[in-house]
Amino acid sequence: MLIAASLTAVACQGGQATDSMPEGGFWSTGAVSDDEKLAVIQKVRAIDVCALLPRESLAALGQVSEVENVQPDQCRANIAVDGHPGGIAATWSVGTSYGVVEPTMGEPVVERAMGDVRVLYRDEPSTSADPQVRDSCDARAAFVSGADLMLSVRAPQDACATVEDLLRIALVQWRDEPAHGSSPDSDRTAITGADPCAVAAFLGTRVPVADHGIATCRLTVDGHEAIVTFGYGPERSVTSATPAFAAGPGQVYRSEGAQSDITSLTAIVGPALAASAADSLLGPQVPTVRVTTDAAVAEKIMREALALLP
């Protein structure tokens, strides 16, 4: 397959043969204590996710039409391929496996190793005779440390071969720990690299390691379970909600959940992101903080969370 061969050549030019992956060091050491696991979470959060697959590496697949920093922990690329109108779409994200439920891939799954990284593949080849219908493949690369890299590809043919070659590049890049700003396609916002659980210390509560996410935090405040989420979303999907209260120079908006005792508060915490294909009638993507829980508790958490951001 020409695409796979091209990507293999890129990986080799980067100094890593296809049958030899780097091992050892921080990412190859199992995290046992809570402090060790929190250190892994923080180091994952500090990685520029878009830099894991640089444009020059993606260019081996075809013409890179767009690379978008979809969420603080996620990046997406669209690549044009001659003769295939749908082209190739790749989406990748970073995380950890310390949650109560380990990330799942569905069935059937094939397990392989890349150095000391355990990789699970779920292949969904197209059953259509139409050559324009794309295959899809999902993969989860699990480091010994507990860090995870998720990669999903839709491609005209043999999507898992493309996933494997992209993973070889991304896993090498990961060991270099590219800092935020390493990729020209990454957005820098108030929530870039920020810890959504940092607010817990100001609310007199402790968050179990399993409830620490890269861009989310589950915590209990005044007897109510709450979720804090740092993310990117369409501007008008926020501002079309009900104004709740002002916080600093900005406005916090309220939307009610399906349960009468649950409220979601959302605040925009900076200017719009770079224009992208995701922009729509709902406006440009903006950085947001969202808190979901009991109304009074949500306001308490939101005020403290916003005070911690620049």
C-alpha atoms as a PDB file:
ATOM      1  CA  MET A   1       0.000   0.000   0.000  1.00  0.00           C
ATOM      2  CA  LEU A   2       1.535   3.283  -1.128  1.00  0.00           C
ATOM      3  CA  ILE A   3       0.252   5.356   1.797  1.00  0.00           C
ATOM      4  CA  ALA A   4       1.642   2.940   4.371  1.00  0.00           C
ATOM      5  CA  ALA A   5       4.962   2.746   2.533  1.00  0.00           C
ATOM      6  CA  SER A   6       5.247   6.532   2.410  1.00  0.00           C
ATOM      7  CA  LEU A   7       4.544   6.876   6.110  1.00  0.00           C
ATOM      8  CA  THR A   8       7.009   4.143   6.966  1.00  0.00           C
ATOM      9  CA  ALA A   9       9.644   6.093   5.074  1.00  0.00           C
ATOM     10  CA  VAL A  10       8.803   9.220   7.087  1.00  0.00           C
ATOM     11  CA  ALA A  11       9.137   7.270  10.345  1.00  0.00           C
ATOM     12  CA  CYS A  12      12.515   5.895   9.293  1.00  0.00           C
ATOM     13  CA  GLN A  13      13.749   9.330   8.261  1.00  0.00           C
ATOM     14  CA  GLY A  14      12.823  10.514  11.745  1.00  0.00           C
ATOM     15  CA  GLY A  15      15.406   8.083  13.148  1.00  0.00           C
ATOM     16  CA  GLN A  16      13.091   5.229  14.181  1.00  0.00           C
ATOM     17  CA  ALA A  17      12.987   1.995  12.202  1.00  0.00           C
ATOM     18  CA  THR A  18       9.519   0.508  11.884  1.00  0.00           C
ATOM     19  CA  ASP A  19      10.473  -2.498  14.054  1.00  0.00           C
ATOM     20  CA  SER A  20      12.174  -0.446  16.769  1.00  0.00           C
ATOM     21  CA  MET A  21      10.329   1.907  19.092  1.00  0.00           C
ATOM     22  CA  PRO A  22      11.823   3.924  21.962  1.00  0.00           C
ATOM     23  CA  GLU A  23      11.374   2.566  25.482  1.00  0.00           C
ATOM     24  CA  GLY A  24      12.363   3.493  29.012  1.00  0.00           C
ATOM     25  CA  GLY A  25      12.145   6.664  31.048  1.00  0.00           C
ATOM     26  CA  PHE A  26       9.127   8.328  32.631  1.00  0.00           C
ATOM     27  CA  TRP A  27       6.477   6.980  30.241  1.00  0.00           C
ATOM     28  CA  SER A  28       7.746   3.410  30.643  1.00  0.00           C
ATOM     29  CA  THR A  29       7.505   3.455  34.443  1.00  0.00           C
ATOM     30  CA  GLY A  30       4.277   2.295  36.049  1.00  0.00           C
ATOM     31  CA  ALA A  31       2.590   4.881  38.268  1.00  0.00           C
ATOM     32  CA  VAL A  32       1.576   3.281  41.568  1.00  0.00           C
ATOM     33  CA  SER A  33       0.932   5.985  44.155  1.00  0.00           C
ATOM     34  CA  ASP A  34      -1.627   8.768  43.783  1.00  0.00           C
ATOM     35  CA  ASP A  35       1.170  11.325  43.543  1.00  0.00           C
ATOM     36  CA  GLU A  36       2.797   9.375  40.717  1.00  0.00           C
ATOM     37  CA  LYS A  37      -0.500   9.119  38.841  1.00  0.00           C
ATOM     38  CA  LEU A  38      -1.193  12.836  39.281  1.00  0.00           C
ATOM     39  CA  ALA A  39       2.277  13.556  37.895  1.00  0.00           C
ATOM     40  CA  VAL A  40       1.434  11.513  34.789  1.00  0.00           C
ATOM     41  CA  ILE A  41      -1.874  13.348  34.348  1.00  0.00           C
ATOM     42  CA  GLN A  42      -0.139  16.717  34.591  1.00  0.00           C
ATOM     43  CA  LYS A  43       2.563  15.728  32.091  1.00  0.00           C
ATOM     44  CA  VAL A  44      -0.057  14.464  29.636  1.00  0.00           C
ATOM     45  CA  ARG A  45      -1.964  17.731  30.052  1.00  0.00           C
ATOM     46  CA  ALA A  46       1.230  19.647  29.218  1.00  0.00           C
ATOM     47  CA  ILE A  47       1.627  17.934  25.821  1.00  0.00           C
ATOM     48  CA  ASP A  48       0.636  19.819  22.665  1.00  0.00           C
ATOM     49  CA  VAL A  49      -1.707  17.213  21.212  1.00  0.00           C
ATOM     50  CA  CYS A  50      -1.564  18.580  17.650  1.00  0.00           C
ATOM     51  CA  ALA A  51       2.250  18.376  17.699  1.00  0.00           C
ATOM     52  CA  LEU A  52       2.086  14.583  18.030  1.00  0.00           C
ATOM     53  CA  LEU A  53       1.354  14.337  14.297  1.00  0.00           C
ATOM     54  CA  PRO A  54       3.103  17.253  12.570  1.00  0.00           C
ATOM     55  CA  ARG A  55       1.829  18.426   9.199  1.00  0.00           C
ATOM     56  CA  GLU A  56       4.985  17.217   7.474  1.00  0.00           C
ATOM     57  CA  SER A  57       4.232  13.681   8.682  1.00  0.00           C
ATOM     58  CA  LEU A  58       0.581  13.853   7.663  1.00  0.00           C
ATOM     59  CA  ALA A  59       1.623  15.123   4.222  1.00  0.00           C
ATOM     60  CA  ALA A  60       2.802  11.596   3.384  1.00  0.00           C
ATOM     61  CA  LEU A  61      -0.892  10.692   3.183  1.00  0.00           C
ATOM     62  CA  GLY A  62      -1.862  13.419   0.733  1.00  0.00           C
ATOM     63  CA  GLN A  63      -2.562  17.138   0.776  1.00  0.00           C
ATOM     64  CA  VAL A  64      -3.274  18.298   4.336  1.00  0.00           C
ATOM     65  CA  SER A  65      -6.307  20.568   4.015  1.00  0.00           C
ATOM     66  CA  GLU A  66      -6.835  21.282   7.704  1.00  0.00           C
ATOM     67  CA  VAL A  67      -5.499  20.518  11.163  1.00  0.00           C
ATOM     68  CA  GLU A  68      -7.825  21.614  13.952  1.00  0.00           C
ATOM     69  CA  ASN A  69      -7.358  21.715  17.725  1.00  0.00           C
ATOM     70  CA  VAL A  70     -10.863  20.365  18.379  1.00  0.00           C
ATOM     71  CA  GLN A  71     -10.606  20.273  22.181  1.00  0.00           C
ATOM     72  CA  PRO A  72      -7.798  20.969  24.666  1.00  0.00           C
ATOM     73  CA  ASP A  73      -6.932  17.259  24.551  1.00  0.00           C
ATOM     74  CA  GLN A  74      -7.898  16.481  20.944  1.00  0.00           C
ATOM     75  CA  CYS A  75      -6.767  17.284  17.408  1.00  0.00           C
ATOM     76  CA  ARG A  76      -8.187  16.445  13.979  1.00  0.00           C
ATOM     77  CA  ALA A  77      -6.758  16.475  10.451  1.00  0.00           C
ATOM     78  CA  ASN A  78      -8.432  16.278   7.061  1.00  0.00           C
ATOM     79  CA  ILE A  79      -6.317  15.138   4.141  1.00  0.00           C
ATOM     80  CA  ALA A  80      -7.205  15.180   0.448  1.00  0.00           C
ATOM     81  CA  VAL A  81      -6.365  12.043  -1.540  1.00  0.00           C
ATOM     82  CA  ASP A  82      -6.401  11.920  -5.342  1.00  0.00           C
ATOM     83  CA  GLY A  83      -9.320   9.908  -6.645  1.00  0.00           C
ATOM     84  CA  HIS A  84     -11.108   9.788  -3.288  1.00  0.00           C
ATOM     85  CA  PRO A  85     -13.474  12.739  -2.619  1.00  0.00           C
ATOM     86  CA  GLY A  86     -13.810  11.817   1.063  1.00  0.00           C
ATOM     87  CA  GLY A  87     -10.069  11.777   1.596  1.00  0.00           C
ATOM     88  CA  ILE A  88      -8.641  10.773   4.965  1.00  0.00           C
ATOM     89  CA  ALA A  89      -9.814  11.986   8.359  1.00  0.00           C
ATOM     90  CA  ALA A  90      -7.671  11.408  11.449  1.00  0.00           C
ATOM     91  CA  THR A  91      -8.624  12.329  15.008  1.00  0.00           C
ATOM     92  CA  TRP A  92      -6.370  11.824  18.018  1.00  0.00           C
ATOM     93  CA  SER A  93      -6.599  12.615  21.713  1.00  0.00           C
ATOM     94  CA  VAL A  94      -4.587  12.162  24.898  1.00  0.00           C
ATOM     95  CA  GLY A  95      -5.685  10.826  28.273  1.00  0.00           C
ATOM     96  CA  THR A  96      -4.989   8.328  31.034  1.00  0.00           C
ATOM     97  CA  SER A  97      -6.471   5.015  32.150  1.00  0.00           C
ATOM     98  CA  TYR A  98      -6.847   5.882  35.833  1.00  0.00           C
ATOM     99  CA  GLY A  99     -10.614   6.330  35.651  1.00  0.00           C
ATOM    100  CA  VAL A 100     -12.987   3.902  37.340  1.00  0.00           C
ATOM    101  CA  VAL A 101     -13.796   2.425  33.923  1.00  0.00           C
ATOM    102  CA  GLU A 102     -10.803   1.818  31.652  1.00  0.00           C
ATOM    103  CA  PRO A 103     -11.313   3.221  28.131  1.00  0.00           C
ATOM    104  CA  THR A 104     -12.857   0.542  25.934  1.00  0.00           C
ATOM    105  CA  MET A 105     -12.554  -0.125  22.234  1.00  0.00           C
ATOM    106  CA  GLY A 106     -15.554  -2.337  21.592  1.00  0.00           C
ATOM    107  CA  GLU A 107     -15.195  -5.681  19.847  1.00  0.00           C
ATOM    108  CA  PRO A 108     -13.474  -7.271  18.060  1.00  0.00           C
ATOM    109  CA  VAL A 109     -10.069  -5.983  19.150  1.00  0.00           C
ATOM    110  CA  VAL A 110      -6.574  -6.935  18.013  1.00  0.00           C
ATOM    111  CA  GLU A 111      -3.718  -6.323  20.450  1.00  0.00           C
ATOM    112  CA  ARG A 112      -0.151  -5.591  19.391  1.00  0.00           C
ATOM    113  CA  ALA A 113       2.942  -4.029  20.937  1.00  0.00           C
ATOM    114  CA  MET A 114       5.002  -1.044  19.830  1.00  0.00           C
ATOM    115  CA  GLY A 115       8.045  -1.257  22.038  1.00  0.00           C
ATOM    116  CA  ASP A 116       6.603  -1.389  25.555  1.00  0.00           C
ATOM    117  CA  VAL A 117       3.391   0.381  24.521  1.00  0.00           C
ATOM    118  CA  ARG A 118       0.308  -1.851  24.351  1.00  0.00           C
ATOM    119  CA  VAL A 119      -1.849  -1.026  21.318  1.00  0.00           C
ATOM    120  CA  LEU A 120      -5.444  -2.149  20.791  1.00  0.00           C
ATOM    121  CA  TYR A 121      -6.946  -1.928  17.304  1.00  0.00           C
ATOM    122  CA  ARG A 122     -10.586  -2.103  16.244  1.00  0.00           C
ATOM    123  CA  ASP A 123     -10.881  -2.466  12.478  1.00  0.00           C
ATOM    124  CA  GLU A 124     -14.116  -1.663  10.638  1.00  0.00           C
ATOM    125  CA  PRO A 125     -13.454  -2.279   6.934  1.00  0.00           C
ATOM    126  CA  SER A 126     -16.075  -1.081   4.521  1.00  0.00           C
ATOM    127  CA  THR A 127     -18.549  -3.703   3.328  1.00  0.00           C
ATOM    128  CA  SER A 128     -19.547  -1.580   0.342  1.00  0.00           C
ATOM    129  CA  ALA A 129     -18.388  -2.293  -3.197  1.00  0.00           C
ATOM    130  CA  ASP A 130     -18.230   1.461  -3.740  1.00  0.00           C
ATOM    131  CA  PRO A 131     -14.521   2.418  -3.724  1.00  0.00           C
ATOM    132  CA  GLN A 132     -15.452   5.861  -2.399  1.00  0.00           C
ATOM    133  CA  VAL A 133     -16.767   4.407   0.881  1.00  0.00           C
ATOM    134  CA  ARG A 134     -14.041   4.631   3.510  1.00  0.00           C
ATOM    135  CA  ASP A 135     -12.709   2.066   5.962  1.00  0.00           C
ATOM    136  CA  SER A 136     -12.395   3.070   9.602  1.00  0.00           C
ATOM    137  CA  CYS A 137     -10.008   2.009  12.341  1.00  0.00           C
ATOM    138  CA  ASP A 138      -9.670   3.005  15.994  1.00  0.00           C
ATOM    139  CA  ALA A 139      -6.625   2.429  18.163  1.00  0.00           C
ATOM    140  CA  ARG A 140      -5.690   2.979  21.768  1.00  0.00           C
ATOM    141  CA  ALA A 141      -2.010   3.096  22.689  1.00  0.00           C
ATOM    142  CA  ALA A 142      -1.510   2.456  26.414  1.00  0.00           C
ATOM    143  CA  PHE A 143       1.812   3.461  27.979  1.00  0.00           C
ATOM    144  CA  VAL A 144       3.172   1.563  30.985  1.00  0.00           C
ATOM    145  CA  SER A 145       2.789   4.797  32.975  1.00  0.00           C
ATOM    146  CA  GLY A 146      -0.981   4.808  32.446  1.00  0.00           C
ATOM    147  CA  ALA A 147      -1.004   7.501  29.757  1.00  0.00           C
ATOM    148  CA  ASP A 148      -3.150   6.865  26.677  1.00  0.00           C
ATOM    149  CA  LEU A 149      -3.157   8.011  23.067  1.00  0.00           C
ATOM    150  CA  MET A 150      -6.370   7.422  21.108  1.00  0.00           C
ATOM    151  CA  LEU A 151      -6.334   7.569  17.298  1.00  0.00           C
ATOM    152  CA  SER A 152      -9.206   7.149  14.860  1.00  0.00           C
ATOM    153  CA  VAL A 153      -8.819   7.121  11.081  1.00  0.00           C
ATOM    154  CA  ARG A 154     -11.228   6.947   8.169  1.00  0.00           C
ATOM    155  CA  ALA A 155      -9.412   6.185   4.936  1.00  0.00           C
ATOM    156  CA  PRO A 156     -10.183   4.979   1.393  1.00  0.00           C
ATOM    157  CA  GLN A 157      -8.461   1.658   2.060  1.00  0.00           C
ATOM    158  CA  ASP A 158      -6.822  -0.277   4.895  1.00  0.00           C
ATOM    159  CA  ALA A 159      -7.397   2.332   7.615  1.00  0.00           C
ATOM    160  CA  CYS A 160      -5.592   0.246  10.252  1.00  0.00           C
ATOM    161  CA  ALA A 161      -2.368   0.270   8.212  1.00  0.00           C
ATOM    162  CA  THR A 162      -2.572   4.066   8.218  1.00  0.00           C
ATOM    163  CA  VAL A 163      -3.311   4.085  11.952  1.00  0.00           C
ATOM    164  CA  GLU A 164      -0.307   1.888  12.695  1.00  0.00           C
ATOM    165  CA  ASP A 165       2.104   4.082  10.763  1.00  0.00           C
ATOM    166  CA  LEU A 166       0.711   7.278  12.285  1.00  0.00           C
ATOM    167  CA  LEU A 167       0.995   5.761  15.751  1.00  0.00           C
ATOM    168  CA  ARG A 168       4.673   5.016  15.190  1.00  0.00           C
ATOM    169  CA  ILE A 169       5.235   8.700  14.476  1.00  0.00           C
ATOM    170  CA  ALA A 170       3.023   9.953  17.308  1.00  0.00           C
ATOM    171  CA  LEU A 171       4.564   7.671  19.941  1.00  0.00           C
ATOM    172  CA  VAL A 172       8.053   8.879  19.065  1.00  0.00           C
ATOM    173  CA  GLN A 173       6.865  12.500  19.222  1.00  0.00           C
ATOM    174  CA  TRP A 174       5.209  11.789  22.589  1.00  0.00           C
ATOM    175  CA  ARG A 175       8.540  10.818  24.168  1.00  0.00           C
ATOM    176  CA  ASP A 176       9.822  14.296  23.237  1.00  0.00           C
ATOM    177  CA  GLU A 177       6.907  15.827  25.218  1.00  0.00           C
ATOM    178  CA  PRO A 178       6.167  18.713  22.820  1.00  0.00           C
ATOM    179  CA  ALA A 179       5.049  21.723  24.879  1.00  0.00           C
ATOM    180  CA  HIS A 180       1.966  23.787  24.091  1.00  0.00           C
ATOM    181  CA  GLY A 181       2.721  26.021  21.148  1.00  0.00           C
ATOM    182  CA  SER A 182       4.954  23.456  19.434  1.00  0.00           C
ATOM    183  CA  SER A 183       2.375  23.031  16.669  1.00  0.00           C
ATOM    184  CA  PRO A 184       1.292  26.077  14.643  1.00  0.00           C
ATOM    185  CA  ASP A 185      -2.164  24.493  14.506  1.00  0.00           C
ATOM    186  CA  SER A 186      -2.689  24.462  18.277  1.00  0.00           C
ATOM    187  CA  ASP A 187      -4.764  27.123  19.993  1.00  0.00           C
ATOM    188  CA  ARG A 188      -3.436  28.920  23.068  1.00  0.00           C
ATOM    189  CA  THR A 189      -6.223  29.924  25.451  1.00  0.00           C
ATOM    190  CA  ALA A 190      -6.867  30.517  29.137  1.00  0.00           C
ATOM    191  CA  ILE A 191      -7.612  26.811  29.576  1.00  0.00           C
ATOM    192  CA  THR A 192      -4.598  25.484  27.638  1.00  0.00           C
ATOM    193  CA  GLY A 193      -2.725  23.192  30.017  1.00  0.00           C
ATOM    194  CA  ALA A 194      -4.938  24.256  32.931  1.00  0.00           C
ATOM    195  CA  ASP A 195      -6.062  21.752  35.568  1.00  0.00           C
ATOM    196  CA  PRO A 196      -9.876  21.622  35.922  1.00  0.00           C
ATOM    197  CA  CYS A 197      -9.440  20.055  39.366  1.00  0.00           C
ATOM    198  CA  ALA A 198      -7.351  22.959  40.692  1.00  0.00           C
ATOM    199  CA  VAL A 199     -10.553  24.556  41.960  1.00  0.00           C
ATOM    200  CA  ALA A 200     -11.078  21.725  44.485  1.00  0.00           C
ATOM    201  CA  ALA A 201      -8.450  23.087  46.884  1.00  0.00           C
ATOM    202  CA  PHE A 202     -10.369  26.364  47.125  1.00  0.00           C
ATOM    203  CA  LEU A 203     -13.613  24.547  47.881  1.00  0.00           C
ATOM    204  CA  GLY A 204     -12.280  22.410  50.717  1.00  0.00           C
ATOM    205  CA  THR A 205     -12.667  19.120  48.880  1.00  0.00           C
ATOM    206  CA  ARG A 206     -10.343  16.382  47.651  1.00  0.00           C
ATOM    207  CA  VAL A 207     -10.648  14.730  44.250  1.00  0.00           C
ATOM    208  CA  PRO A 208      -9.755  11.018  43.900  1.00  0.00           C
ATOM    209  CA  VAL A 209      -7.217  10.294  41.168  1.00  0.00           C
ATOM    210  CA  ALA A 210      -9.836   8.333  39.210  1.00  0.00           C
ATOM    211  CA  ASP A 211     -11.881  11.533  38.863  1.00  0.00           C
ATOM    212  CA  HIS A 212      -9.042  13.654  37.448  1.00  0.00           C
ATOM    213  CA  GLY A 213      -9.304  14.031  33.681  1.00  0.00           C
ATOM    214  CA  ILE A 214      -7.158  15.971  31.245  1.00  0.00           C
ATOM    215  CA  ALA A 215      -9.913  18.529  30.624  1.00  0.00           C
ATOM    216  CA  THR A 216     -12.576  17.355  33.090  1.00  0.00           C
ATOM    217  CA  CYS A 217     -12.904  16.964  36.838  1.00  0.00           C
ATOM    218  CA  ARG A 218     -15.492  15.153  38.931  1.00  0.00           C
ATOM    219  CA  LEU A 219     -15.755  16.455  42.464  1.00  0.00           C
ATOM    220  CA  THR A 220     -18.177  16.579  45.372  1.00  0.00           C
ATOM    221  CA  VAL A 221     -19.033  19.958  46.905  1.00  0.00           C
ATOM    222  CA  ASP A 222     -21.530  20.472  49.723  1.00  0.00           C
ATOM    223  CA  GLY A 223     -22.792  16.935  49.212  1.00  0.00           C
ATOM    224  CA  HIS A 224     -23.434  17.383  45.491  1.00  0.00           C
ATOM    225  CA  GLU A 225     -21.521  15.634  42.718  1.00  0.00           C
ATOM    226  CA  ALA A 226     -20.292  18.072  40.083  1.00  0.00           C
ATOM    227  CA  ILE A 227     -18.423  18.013  36.788  1.00  0.00           C
ATOM    228  CA  VAL A 228     -16.079  20.784  35.655  1.00  0.00           C
ATOM    229  CA  THR A 229     -15.249  20.750  31.944  1.00  0.00           C
ATOM    230  CA  PHE A 230     -12.726  22.847  30.033  1.00  0.00           C
ATOM    231  CA  GLY A 231     -13.500  22.788  26.318  1.00  0.00           C
ATOM    232  CA  TYR A 232     -14.116  24.490  23.012  1.00  0.00           C
ATOM    233  CA  GLY A 233     -17.579  25.022  21.540  1.00  0.00           C
ATOM    234  CA  PRO A 234     -19.644  27.247  19.229  1.00  0.00           C
ATOM    235  CA  GLU A 235     -20.095  30.740  20.665  1.00  0.00           C
ATOM    236  CA  ARG A 236     -23.842  31.005  20.064  1.00  0.00           C
ATOM    237  CA  SER A 237     -24.523  27.637  21.667  1.00  0.00           C
ATOM    238  CA  VAL A 238     -23.342  29.338  24.869  1.00  0.00           C
ATOM    239  CA  THR A 239     -24.791  32.839  24.477  1.00  0.00           C
ATOM    240  CA  SER A 240     -28.217  31.546  23.409  1.00  0.00           C
ATOM    241  CA  ALA A 241     -28.720  30.187  26.933  1.00  0.00           C
ATOM    242  CA  THR A 242     -30.131  32.219  29.824  1.00  0.00           C
ATOM    243  CA  PRO A 243     -27.782  34.821  31.348  1.00  0.00           C
ATOM    244  CA  ALA A 244     -27.144  33.768  34.957  1.00  0.00           C
ATOM    245  CA  PHE A 245     -24.692  36.232  36.500  1.00  0.00           C
ATOM    246  CA  ALA A 246     -21.658  38.334  35.668  1.00  0.00           C
ATOM    247  CA  ALA A 247     -18.210  37.157  36.702  1.00  0.00           C
ATOM    248  CA  GLY A 248     -15.381  39.613  36.191  1.00  0.00           C
ATOM    249  CA  PRO A 249     -15.618  41.084  32.694  1.00  0.00           C
ATOM    250  CA  GLY A 250     -17.692  38.190  31.381  1.00  0.00           C
ATOM    251  CA  GLN A 251     -21.135  36.643  31.592  1.00  0.00           C
ATOM    252  CA  VAL A 252     -22.070  33.193  32.850  1.00  0.00           C
ATOM    253  CA  TYR A 253     -24.979  31.431  31.124  1.00  0.00           C
ATOM    254  CA  ARG A 254     -27.390  28.867  32.549  1.00  0.00           C
ATOM    255  CA  SER A 255     -29.081  25.902  30.898  1.00  0.00           C
ATOM    256  CA  GLU A 256     -31.267  23.403  32.711  1.00  0.00           C
ATOM    257  CA  GLY A 257     -30.675  19.682  32.421  1.00  0.00           C
ATOM    258  CA  ALA A 258     -33.197  16.897  31.919  1.00  0.00           C
ATOM    259  CA  GLN A 259     -33.249  16.490  35.703  1.00  0.00           C
ATOM    260  CA  SER A 260     -34.869  19.400  37.519  1.00  0.00           C
ATOM    261  CA  ASP A 261     -32.147  19.511  40.165  1.00  0.00           C
ATOM    262  CA  ILE A 262     -29.266  19.742  37.662  1.00  0.00           C
ATOM    263  CA  THR A 263     -27.999  22.999  36.166  1.00  0.00           C
ATOM    264  CA  SER A 264     -25.186  23.657  33.706  1.00  0.00           C
ATOM    265  CA  LEU A 265     -23.350  26.959  33.916  1.00  0.00           C
ATOM    266  CA  THR A 266     -21.048  27.944  31.042  1.00  0.00           C
ATOM    267  CA  ALA A 267     -18.656  30.857  30.698  1.00  0.00           C
ATOM    268  CA  ILE A 268     -16.624  31.957  27.683  1.00  0.00           C
ATOM    269  CA  VAL A 269     -13.065  32.523  28.882  1.00  0.00           C
ATOM    270  CA  GLY A 270     -11.317  34.242  26.006  1.00  0.00           C
ATOM    271  CA  PRO A 271     -11.456  35.315  22.365  1.00  0.00           C
ATOM    272  CA  ALA A 272     -12.604  33.051  19.544  1.00  0.00           C
ATOM    273  CA  LEU A 273     -10.217  30.422  18.245  1.00  0.00           C
ATOM    274  CA  ALA A 274      -8.714  30.518  14.768  1.00  0.00           C
ATOM    275  CA  ALA A 275     -11.332  30.150  12.038  1.00  0.00           C
ATOM    276  CA  SER A 276     -11.981  26.565  11.002  1.00  0.00           C
ATOM    277  CA  ALA A 277     -14.376  24.371   9.063  1.00  0.00           C
ATOM    278  CA  ALA A 278     -16.192  23.719  12.351  1.00  0.00           C
ATOM    279  CA  ASP A 279     -17.423  27.327  12.423  1.00  0.00           C
ATOM    280  CA  SER A 280     -21.093  27.530  11.481  1.00  0.00           C
ATOM    281  CA  LEU A 281     -24.256  29.506  12.029  1.00  0.00           C
ATOM    282  CA  LEU A 282     -23.548  28.968  15.719  1.00  0.00           C
ATOM    283  CA  GLY A 283     -20.461  31.133  15.381  1.00  0.00           C
ATOM    284  CA  PRO A 284     -16.753  30.530  15.914  1.00  0.00           C
ATOM    285  CA  GLN A 285     -15.318  28.109  18.445  1.00  0.00           C
ATOM    286  CA  VAL A 286     -14.598  29.679  21.840  1.00  0.00           C
ATOM    287  CA  PRO A 287     -12.861  28.414  24.999  1.00  0.00           C
ATOM    288  CA  THR A 288     -15.324  27.610  27.766  1.00  0.00           C
ATOM    289  CA  VAL A 289     -15.635  26.493  31.363  1.00  0.00           C
ATOM    290  CA  ARG A 290     -18.741  24.459  32.161  1.00  0.00           C
ATOM    291  CA  VAL A 291     -19.946  23.349  35.595  1.00  0.00           C
ATOM    292  CA  THR A 292     -22.816  20.879  35.937  1.00  0.00           C
ATOM    293  CA  THR A 293     -24.477  20.171  39.294  1.00  0.00           C
ATOM    294  CA  ASP A 294     -26.997  21.701  41.723  1.00  0.00           C
ATOM    295  CA  ALA A 295     -27.640  25.375  40.833  1.00  0.00           C
ATOM    296  CA  ALA A 296     -26.231  26.950  44.001  1.00  0.00           C
ATOM    297  CA  VAL A 297     -23.205  24.666  44.043  1.00  0.00           C
ATOM    298  CA  ALA A 298     -22.586  25.279  40.335  1.00  0.00           C
ATOM    299  CA  GLU A 299     -22.377  29.027  40.935  1.00  0.00           C
ATOM    300  CA  LYS A 300     -20.018  28.513  43.866  1.00  0.00           C
ATOM    301  CA  ILE A 301     -17.691  26.319  41.803  1.00  0.00           C
ATOM    302  CA  MET A 302     -17.865  28.542  38.724  1.00  0.00           C
ATOM    303  CA  ARG A 303     -16.887  31.690  40.603  1.00  0.00           C
ATOM    304  CA  GLU A 304     -13.865  29.955  42.113  1.00  0.00           C
ATOM    305  CA  ALA A 305     -12.852  28.309  38.826  1.00  0.00           C
ATOM    306  CA  LEU A 306     -12.968  31.564  36.867  1.00  0.00           C
ATOM    307  CA  ALA A 307     -10.881  33.319  39.511  1.00  0.00           C
ATOM    308  CA  LEU A 308      -8.062  30.826  38.868  1.00  0.00           C
ATOM    309  CA  LEU A 309      -7.833  31.504  35.123  1.00  0.00           C
ATOM    310  CA  PRO A 310      -5.838  34.358  33.569  1.00  0.00           C
END
